[in-house]
Amino acid sequence: MVQNGTRQKGLTVRQRRVIGYLLECGSVKDAALAAEVGRTTVNRWLALPEFRAGLAEAQGHVLSLVSAKVAGLLTQALDLVGEAMAGDLAPSAAGRLRLYAAGMILRHAAQLMEYAGLEDRVKQLEAILGDQSAA
């Protein structure tokens, strides 16, 4: 039965909107408020496998976008560190801030990419296990 709009991938328009707000707001309370849906309703939806799957898919999409952005910043970060090592970076507050930001990108990029890779491998394993259980 379809309630609250048409279904896409097993989710209503309202449920998809709540997923977007969950990603944006970070809390059930804030997402429910922004989507104009009761917090109890959102918590009930979070217990549904199809809603959790939709949320996980959306989170995976965001992770992919962030990973791509960080990968694009890696070259800039490495270039900046190279400038600092060569003594070509001005020792100003702005230069130190840029170097700190580059260090953060370099420190966390590997972790982010590893996490994204793990997510992909888990999806592949789940697909294999799903195929084996169907056979």
C-alpha atoms as a PDB file:
ATOM      1  CA  MET A   1       0.000   0.000   0.000  1.00  0.00           C
ATOM      2  CA  VAL A   2       1.315   3.437  -0.915  1.00  0.00           C
ATOM      3  CA  GLN A   3       1.031   6.146   1.723  1.00  0.00           C
ATOM      4  CA  ASN A   4       2.390   9.671   1.764  1.00  0.00           C
ATOM      5  CA  GLY A   5       3.207   9.788  -1.926  1.00  0.00           C
ATOM      6  CA  THR A   6       4.614   7.442  -4.494  1.00  0.00           C
ATOM      7  CA  ARG A   7       7.172   4.804  -3.674  1.00  0.00           C
ATOM      8  CA  GLN A   8      10.627   4.620  -5.167  1.00  0.00           C
ATOM      9  CA  LYS A   9      12.930   1.774  -4.114  1.00  0.00           C
ATOM     10  CA  GLY A  10      10.325   0.889  -1.488  1.00  0.00           C
ATOM     11  CA  LEU A  11      10.386   4.351   0.104  1.00  0.00           C
ATOM     12  CA  THR A  12       7.830   7.132   0.038  1.00  0.00           C
ATOM     13  CA  VAL A  13       8.658  10.704  -0.890  1.00  0.00           C
ATOM     14  CA  ARG A  14       8.471  11.667   2.805  1.00  0.00           C
ATOM     15  CA  GLN A  15      10.840   8.866   3.790  1.00  0.00           C
ATOM     16  CA  ARG A  16      13.363   9.892   1.120  1.00  0.00           C
ATOM     17  CA  ARG A  17      13.092  13.501   2.324  1.00  0.00           C
ATOM     18  CA  VAL A  18      13.759  12.395   5.915  1.00  0.00           C
ATOM     19  CA  ILE A  19      16.829  10.457   4.752  1.00  0.00           C
ATOM     20  CA  GLY A  20      18.165  13.634   3.177  1.00  0.00           C
ATOM     21  CA  TYR A  21      17.595  15.557   6.382  1.00  0.00           C
ATOM     22  CA  LEU A  22      19.181  12.795   8.481  1.00  0.00           C
ATOM     23  CA  LEU A  23      22.329  13.199   6.402  1.00  0.00           C
ATOM     24  CA  GLU A  24      22.178  16.977   6.612  1.00  0.00           C
ATOM     25  CA  CYS A  25      21.107  17.487  10.233  1.00  0.00           C
ATOM     26  CA  GLY A  26      22.826  14.583  11.933  1.00  0.00           C
ATOM     27  CA  SER A  27      20.105  13.882  14.501  1.00  0.00           C
ATOM     28  CA  VAL A  28      16.675  12.283  14.388  1.00  0.00           C
ATOM     29  CA  LYS A  29      15.163  15.206  16.284  1.00  0.00           C
ATOM     30  CA  ASP A  30      16.499  17.844  13.876  1.00  0.00           C
ATOM     31  CA  ALA A  31      15.746  15.774  10.775  1.00  0.00           C
ATOM     32  CA  ALA A  32      12.168  15.160  11.897  1.00  0.00           C
ATOM     33  CA  LEU A  33      11.693  18.852  12.588  1.00  0.00           C
ATOM     34  CA  ALA A  34      13.138  19.902   9.231  1.00  0.00           C
ATOM     35  CA  ALA A  35      11.075  17.324   7.324  1.00  0.00           C
ATOM     36  CA  GLU A  36       7.934  18.158   9.315  1.00  0.00           C
ATOM     37  CA  VAL A  37       7.541  14.538  10.395  1.00  0.00           C
ATOM     38  CA  GLY A  38       7.124  13.301  13.948  1.00  0.00           C
ATOM     39  CA  ARG A  39      10.226  12.024  15.719  1.00  0.00           C
ATOM     40  CA  THR A  40       8.348   8.841  16.641  1.00  0.00           C
ATOM     41  CA  THR A  41       7.582   8.280  12.963  1.00  0.00           C
ATOM     42  CA  VAL A  42      11.244   8.696  12.015  1.00  0.00           C
ATOM     43  CA  ASN A  43      12.293   6.251  14.755  1.00  0.00           C
ATOM     44  CA  ARG A  44       9.669   3.790  13.512  1.00  0.00           C
ATOM     45  CA  TRP A  45      11.007   4.149   9.955  1.00  0.00           C
ATOM     46  CA  LEU A  46      14.559   3.571  11.201  1.00  0.00           C
ATOM     47  CA  ALA A  47      13.412   0.127  12.342  1.00  0.00           C
ATOM     48  CA  LEU A  48      12.342  -0.774   8.786  1.00  0.00           C
ATOM     49  CA  PRO A  49      14.932  -2.695   6.739  1.00  0.00           C
ATOM     50  CA  GLU A  50      14.055  -0.844   3.513  1.00  0.00           C
ATOM     51  CA  PHE A  51      14.441   2.549   5.226  1.00  0.00           C
ATOM     52  CA  ARG A  52      17.778   1.564   6.765  1.00  0.00           C
ATOM     53  CA  ALA A  53      18.906   0.298   3.349  1.00  0.00           C
ATOM     54  CA  GLY A  54      17.920   3.608   1.758  1.00  0.00           C
ATOM     55  CA  LEU A  55      19.779   5.529   4.448  1.00  0.00           C
ATOM     56  CA  ALA A  56      22.868   3.349   4.025  1.00  0.00           C
ATOM     57  CA  GLU A  57      22.756   3.854   0.258  1.00  0.00           C
ATOM     58  CA  ALA A  58      22.517   7.629   0.695  1.00  0.00           C
ATOM     59  CA  GLN A  59      25.368   7.602   3.212  1.00  0.00           C
ATOM     60  CA  GLY A  60      27.469   5.577   0.766  1.00  0.00           C
ATOM     61  CA  HIS A  61      26.782   8.126  -1.952  1.00  0.00           C
ATOM     62  CA  VAL A  62      27.882  10.982   0.328  1.00  0.00           C
ATOM     63  CA  LEU A  63      31.009   9.035   1.275  1.00  0.00           C
ATOM     64  CA  SER A  64      31.859   8.582  -2.406  1.00  0.00           C
ATOM     65  CA  LEU A  65      31.462  12.297  -3.065  1.00  0.00           C
ATOM     66  CA  VAL A  66      33.598  13.233  -0.068  1.00  0.00           C
ATOM     67  CA  SER A  67      36.259  10.698  -1.038  1.00  0.00           C
ATOM     68  CA  ALA A  68      36.446  12.145  -4.538  1.00  0.00           C
ATOM     69  CA  LYS A  69      36.771  15.675  -3.146  1.00  0.00           C
ATOM     70  CA  VAL A  70      39.514  14.642  -0.725  1.00  0.00           C
ATOM     71  CA  ALA A  71      41.359  12.804  -3.500  1.00  0.00           C
ATOM     72  CA  GLY A  72      41.312  16.022  -5.510  1.00  0.00           C
ATOM     73  CA  LEU A  73      42.805  17.929  -2.569  1.00  0.00           C
ATOM     74  CA  LEU A  74      45.651  15.459  -2.038  1.00  0.00           C
ATOM     75  CA  THR A  75      47.788  16.900  -4.834  1.00  0.00           C
ATOM     76  CA  GLN A  76      47.354  20.423  -3.472  1.00  0.00           C
ATOM     77  CA  ALA A  77      48.224  19.255   0.030  1.00  0.00           C
ATOM     78  CA  LEU A  78      51.344  17.451  -1.145  1.00  0.00           C
ATOM     79  CA  ASP A  79      52.443  20.471  -3.190  1.00  0.00           C
ATOM     80  CA  LEU A  80      52.031  22.728  -0.162  1.00  0.00           C
ATOM     81  CA  VAL A  81      54.015  20.390   2.075  1.00  0.00           C
ATOM     82  CA  GLY A  82      56.698  20.289  -0.617  1.00  0.00           C
ATOM     83  CA  GLU A  83      56.829  24.104  -0.639  1.00  0.00           C
ATOM     84  CA  ALA A  84      57.192  24.151   3.137  1.00  0.00           C
ATOM     85  CA  MET A  85      59.970  21.569   3.039  1.00  0.00           C
ATOM     86  CA  ALA A  86      61.810  23.569   0.382  1.00  0.00           C
ATOM     87  CA  GLY A  87      61.464  26.745   2.462  1.00  0.00           C
ATOM     88  CA  ASP A  88      59.251  28.403  -0.160  1.00  0.00           C
ATOM     89  CA  LEU A  89      56.221  28.817   2.105  1.00  0.00           C
ATOM     90  CA  ALA A  90      55.889  32.172   3.855  1.00  0.00           C
ATOM     91  CA  PRO A  91      56.045  31.732   7.652  1.00  0.00           C
ATOM     92  CA  SER A  92      52.908  33.837   8.121  1.00  0.00           C
ATOM     93  CA  ALA A  93      49.813  32.861  10.066  1.00  0.00           C
ATOM     94  CA  ALA A  94      48.028  32.194   6.771  1.00  0.00           C
ATOM     95  CA  GLY A  95      50.902  29.978   5.602  1.00  0.00           C
ATOM     96  CA  ARG A  96      50.849  28.002   8.851  1.00  0.00           C
ATOM     97  CA  LEU A  97      47.084  27.604   8.591  1.00  0.00           C
ATOM     98  CA  ARG A  98      47.366  26.329   5.014  1.00  0.00           C
ATOM     99  CA  LEU A  99      50.079  23.880   6.100  1.00  0.00           C
ATOM    100  CA  TYR A 100      47.918  22.682   9.010  1.00  0.00           C
ATOM    101  CA  ALA A 101      44.961  22.145   6.645  1.00  0.00           C
ATOM    102  CA  ALA A 102      47.206  20.232   4.227  1.00  0.00           C
ATOM    103  CA  GLY A 103      48.379  18.032   7.095  1.00  0.00           C
ATOM    104  CA  MET A 104      44.775  17.300   8.064  1.00  0.00           C
ATOM    105  CA  ILE A 105      43.946  16.290   4.497  1.00  0.00           C
ATOM    106  CA  LEU A 106      46.984  14.012   4.306  1.00  0.00           C
ATOM    107  CA  ARG A 107      46.329  12.474   7.738  1.00  0.00           C
ATOM    108  CA  HIS A 108      42.686  11.690   7.153  1.00  0.00           C
ATOM    109  CA  ALA A 109      42.626  10.941   3.432  1.00  0.00           C
ATOM    110  CA  ALA A 110      44.103   7.483   3.876  1.00  0.00           C
ATOM    111  CA  GLN A 111      41.548   6.617   6.559  1.00  0.00           C
ATOM    112  CA  LEU A 112      38.675   7.876   4.435  1.00  0.00           C
ATOM    113  CA  MET A 113      39.801   5.992   1.355  1.00  0.00           C
ATOM    114  CA  GLU A 114      40.338   2.830   3.388  1.00  0.00           C
ATOM    115  CA  TYR A 115      36.817   3.118   4.789  1.00  0.00           C
ATOM    116  CA  ALA A 116      35.360   3.642   1.307  1.00  0.00           C
ATOM    117  CA  GLY A 117      37.282   0.611   0.054  1.00  0.00           C
ATOM    118  CA  LEU A 118      36.015  -1.502   2.937  1.00  0.00           C
ATOM    119  CA  GLU A 119      32.455  -0.462   2.175  1.00  0.00           C
ATOM    120  CA  ASP A 120      32.865  -1.557  -1.453  1.00  0.00           C
ATOM    121  CA  ARG A 121      34.342  -4.919  -0.422  1.00  0.00           C
ATOM    122  CA  VAL A 122      31.516  -5.536   2.061  1.00  0.00           C
ATOM    123  CA  LYS A 123      28.961  -4.827  -0.687  1.00  0.00           C
ATOM    124  CA  GLN A 124      30.727  -7.291  -2.978  1.00  0.00           C
ATOM    125  CA  LEU A 125      30.772  -9.955  -0.267  1.00  0.00           C
ATOM    126  CA  GLU A 126      27.092  -9.379   0.483  1.00  0.00           C
ATOM    127  CA  ALA A 127      26.297  -9.787  -3.222  1.00  0.00           C
ATOM    128  CA  ILE A 128      28.271 -13.034  -3.357  1.00  0.00           C
ATOM    129  CA  LEU A 129      26.578 -14.367  -0.226  1.00  0.00           C
ATOM    130  CA  GLY A 130      23.193 -13.335  -1.629  1.00  0.00           C
ATOM    131  CA  ASP A 131      23.923 -15.183  -4.868  1.00  0.00           C
ATOM    132  CA  GLN A 132      25.048 -18.292  -2.966  1.00  0.00           C
ATOM    133  CA  SER A 133      21.988 -18.357  -0.733  1.00  0.00           C
ATOM    134  CA  ALA A 134      19.716 -17.950  -3.773  1.00  0.00           C
ATOM    135  CA  ALA A 135      21.335 -20.955  -5.495  1.00  0.00           C
END
